[in-house]
Amino acid sequence: MRYPAIVYNRDDADTKFANNSPYSYVKRYEVTVMDQKKDSAIPDKVAQLPMCTFSRHFTANGIHHDVFSIYF
């Protein structure tokens, strides 16, 4: 894999119900920004996307991972 990289996968969905029927269904994606740079600007740009929340940060094998949840 080449860095920086963004990896995403569908993680969950939020369904709202009224009168026992779904009226809203929104998919949640887990988005991971991976970069060798500790102070990369990419996570800041991802964090500004609508319906995006920061989840966690971790480092593995010298690569910094910033994980976000995005509803779309």
N, C-alpha and C. Protein backbone atom coordinates (compact mmCIF):
# COMPACT_ATOMS: atom_id res chain seq x y z
N MET A 1 0.85 -1.17 0.00
CA MET A 1 0.00 0.00 0.00
C MET A 1 0.89 1.24 0.00
N ARG A 2 0.45 2.26 -0.71
CA ARG A 2 1.18 3.53 -0.75
C ARG A 2 0.51 4.52 0.19
N TYR A 3 1.33 5.31 0.86
CA TYR A 3 0.80 6.28 1.83
C TYR A 3 1.05 7.68 1.34
N PRO A 4 0.13 8.61 1.58
CA PRO A 4 -1.08 8.47 2.39
C PRO A 4 -2.15 7.65 1.67
N ALA A 5 -3.01 7.04 2.48
CA ALA A 5 -4.09 6.20 1.94
C ALA A 5 -5.35 6.39 2.77
N ILE A 6 -6.49 6.16 2.13
CA ILE A 6 -7.77 6.18 2.81
C ILE A 6 -8.45 4.84 2.54
N VAL A 7 -8.84 4.17 3.61
CA VAL A 7 -9.53 2.89 3.52
C VAL A 7 -10.89 3.06 4.17
N TYR A 8 -11.93 2.54 3.53
CA TYR A 8 -13.26 2.67 4.12
C TYR A 8 -14.04 1.38 3.96
N ASN A 9 -14.98 1.18 4.84
CA ASN A 9 -15.90 0.05 4.74
C ASN A 9 -17.22 0.42 5.41
N ARG A 10 -18.30 -0.19 4.89
CA ARG A 10 -19.60 0.06 5.51
C ARG A 10 -19.61 -0.66 6.85
N ASP A 11 -20.00 0.06 7.86
CA ASP A 11 -19.82 -0.37 9.23
C ASP A 11 -21.14 -0.68 9.93
N ASP A 12 -22.16 0.12 9.67
CA ASP A 12 -23.43 0.01 10.38
C ASP A 12 -24.46 0.85 9.62
N ALA A 13 -25.66 0.89 10.15
CA ALA A 13 -26.70 1.74 9.59
C ALA A 13 -27.61 2.18 10.71
N ASP A 14 -28.22 3.33 10.53
CA ASP A 14 -29.15 3.89 11.52
C ASP A 14 -30.53 3.94 10.88
N THR A 15 -31.47 3.22 11.46
CA THR A 15 -32.83 3.19 10.96
C THR A 15 -33.75 3.83 11.99
N LYS A 16 -34.54 4.77 11.55
CA LYS A 16 -35.55 5.41 12.40
C LYS A 16 -36.92 4.84 12.03
N PHE A 17 -37.74 4.59 13.04
CA PHE A 17 -39.05 3.99 12.82
C PHE A 17 -40.17 4.90 13.29
N ALA A 18 -41.31 4.80 12.64
CA ALA A 18 -42.54 5.46 13.06
C ALA A 18 -43.69 4.54 12.65
N ASN A 19 -44.60 4.30 13.56
CA ASN A 19 -45.72 3.39 13.30
C ASN A 19 -45.24 2.03 12.80
N ASN A 20 -44.17 1.54 13.44
CA ASN A 20 -43.59 0.22 13.13
C ASN A 20 -43.05 0.09 11.70
N SER A 21 -42.82 1.20 11.04
CA SER A 21 -42.25 1.17 9.69
C SER A 21 -41.02 2.08 9.64
N PRO A 22 -39.98 1.67 8.92
CA PRO A 22 -38.81 2.54 8.79
C PRO A 22 -39.12 3.75 7.92
N TYR A 23 -38.71 4.92 8.38
CA TYR A 23 -38.89 6.13 7.57
C TYR A 23 -37.57 6.81 7.23
N SER A 24 -36.49 6.37 7.89
CA SER A 24 -35.18 6.93 7.60
C SER A 24 -34.13 5.83 7.75
N TYR A 25 -33.26 5.72 6.76
CA TYR A 25 -32.20 4.72 6.78
C TYR A 25 -30.92 5.39 6.30
N VAL A 26 -29.92 5.46 7.18
CA VAL A 26 -28.66 6.11 6.85
C VAL A 26 -27.52 5.13 7.13
N LYS A 27 -26.67 4.91 6.13
CA LYS A 27 -25.54 4.00 6.27
C LYS A 27 -24.38 4.70 6.96
N ARG A 28 -23.65 3.94 7.78
CA ARG A 28 -22.46 4.47 8.44
C ARG A 28 -21.24 3.77 7.86
N TYR A 29 -20.23 4.56 7.56
CA TYR A 29 -18.97 4.05 7.04
C TYR A 29 -17.86 4.35 8.03
N GLU A 30 -16.93 3.42 8.16
CA GLU A 30 -15.72 3.65 8.93
C GLU A 30 -14.63 4.03 7.93
N VAL A 31 -14.07 5.21 8.11
CA VAL A 31 -13.05 5.73 7.20
C VAL A 31 -11.74 5.86 7.98
N THR A 32 -10.70 5.24 7.46
CA THR A 32 -9.39 5.30 8.11
C THR A 32 -8.41 6.00 7.20
N VAL A 33 -7.83 7.08 7.71
CA VAL A 33 -6.78 7.82 6.99
C VAL A 33 -5.45 7.32 7.54
N MET A 34 -4.59 6.84 6.64
CA MET A 34 -3.29 6.32 7.04
C MET A 34 -2.19 7.15 6.38
N ASP A 35 -1.23 7.57 7.19
CA ASP A 35 -0.14 8.40 6.67
C ASP A 35 1.09 8.20 7.52
N GLN A 36 2.25 8.33 6.89
CA GLN A 36 3.51 8.24 7.63
C GLN A 36 3.78 9.53 8.40
N LYS A 37 3.17 10.62 7.95
CA LYS A 37 3.37 11.91 8.60
C LYS A 37 2.46 12.03 9.83
N LYS A 38 3.05 12.40 10.94
CA LYS A 38 2.29 12.57 12.18
C LYS A 38 1.31 13.73 12.09
N ASP A 39 1.69 14.80 11.41
CA ASP A 39 0.86 16.01 11.32
C ASP A 39 0.25 16.19 9.94
N SER A 40 -0.22 15.13 9.34
CA SER A 40 -0.83 15.19 8.01
C SER A 40 -2.08 16.08 8.05
N ALA A 41 -2.32 16.81 6.97
CA ALA A 41 -3.51 17.66 6.87
C ALA A 41 -4.75 16.89 6.42
N ILE A 42 -4.56 15.67 5.93
CA ILE A 42 -5.69 14.90 5.40
C ILE A 42 -6.74 14.60 6.46
N PRO A 43 -6.38 14.14 7.67
CA PRO A 43 -7.42 13.90 8.68
C PRO A 43 -8.25 15.14 9.01
N ASP A 44 -7.63 16.31 8.99
CA ASP A 44 -8.36 17.56 9.25
C ASP A 44 -9.39 17.82 8.16
N LYS A 45 -9.06 17.50 6.93
CA LYS A 45 -10.00 17.69 5.83
C LYS A 45 -11.15 16.69 5.90
N VAL A 46 -10.84 15.45 6.25
CA VAL A 46 -11.89 14.44 6.39
C VAL A 46 -12.82 14.82 7.53
N ALA A 47 -12.27 15.34 8.61
CA ALA A 47 -13.08 15.71 9.79
C ALA A 47 -14.09 16.81 9.47
N GLN A 48 -13.87 17.58 8.41
CA GLN A 48 -14.79 18.66 8.04
C GLN A 48 -15.95 18.19 7.16
N LEU A 49 -15.96 16.92 6.78
CA LEU A 49 -17.06 16.41 5.96
C LEU A 49 -18.36 16.39 6.76
N PRO A 50 -19.49 16.60 6.11
CA PRO A 50 -20.78 16.56 6.83
C PRO A 50 -21.02 15.18 7.44
N MET A 51 -21.63 15.16 8.60
CA MET A 51 -22.00 13.94 9.31
C MET A 51 -20.79 13.06 9.65
N CYS A 52 -19.65 13.68 9.93
CA CYS A 52 -18.41 12.96 10.23
C CYS A 52 -18.02 13.19 11.68
N THR A 53 -17.64 12.10 12.36
CA THR A 53 -17.14 12.21 13.73
C THR A 53 -15.82 11.45 13.85
N PHE A 54 -14.91 12.01 14.61
CA PHE A 54 -13.63 11.37 14.87
C PHE A 54 -13.84 10.25 15.87
N SER A 55 -13.22 9.10 15.62
CA SER A 55 -13.39 7.95 16.50
C SER A 55 -12.15 7.68 17.34
N ARG A 56 -10.99 7.54 16.67
CA ARG A 56 -9.78 7.23 17.42
C ARG A 56 -8.54 7.43 16.54
N HIS A 57 -7.39 7.44 17.20
CA HIS A 57 -6.09 7.53 16.52
C HIS A 57 -5.20 6.44 17.10
N PHE A 58 -4.43 5.82 16.23
CA PHE A 58 -3.43 4.86 16.71
C PHE A 58 -2.30 4.79 15.69
N THR A 59 -1.15 4.28 16.16
CA THR A 59 0.02 4.12 15.29
C THR A 59 0.37 2.64 15.26
N ALA A 60 0.60 2.12 14.06
CA ALA A 60 1.02 0.73 13.90
C ALA A 60 2.09 0.67 12.82
N ASN A 61 3.21 0.06 13.13
CA ASN A 61 4.32 -0.07 12.18
C ASN A 61 4.78 1.27 11.61
N GLY A 62 4.75 2.31 12.42
CA GLY A 62 5.20 3.63 11.99
C GLY A 62 4.20 4.38 11.14
N ILE A 63 2.99 3.85 10.98
CA ILE A 63 1.95 4.51 10.19
C ILE A 63 0.88 5.03 11.14
N HIS A 64 0.54 6.30 10.98
CA HIS A 64 -0.49 6.93 11.82
C HIS A 64 -1.86 6.68 11.20
N HIS A 65 -2.79 6.23 12.03
CA HIS A 65 -4.15 5.91 11.59
C HIS A 65 -5.14 6.83 12.31
N ASP A 66 -5.97 7.53 11.56
CA ASP A 66 -7.04 8.34 12.13
C ASP A 66 -8.35 7.73 11.62
N VAL A 67 -9.21 7.34 12.55
CA VAL A 67 -10.44 6.62 12.20
C VAL A 67 -11.63 7.54 12.44
N PHE A 68 -12.52 7.60 11.46
CA PHE A 68 -13.71 8.44 11.49
C PHE A 68 -14.94 7.59 11.21
N SER A 69 -16.09 8.06 11.67
CA SER A 69 -17.38 7.49 11.29
C SER A 69 -18.09 8.55 10.46
N ILE A 70 -18.61 8.14 9.30
CA ILE A 70 -19.32 9.05 8.42
C ILE A 70 -20.66 8.43 8.06
N TYR A 71 -21.71 9.19 8.27
CA TYR A 71 -23.05 8.77 7.87
C TYR A 71 -23.35 9.34 6.50
N PHE A 72 -23.81 8.48 5.60
CA PHE A 72 -24.05 8.92 4.23
C PHE A 72 -25.25 8.21 3.66
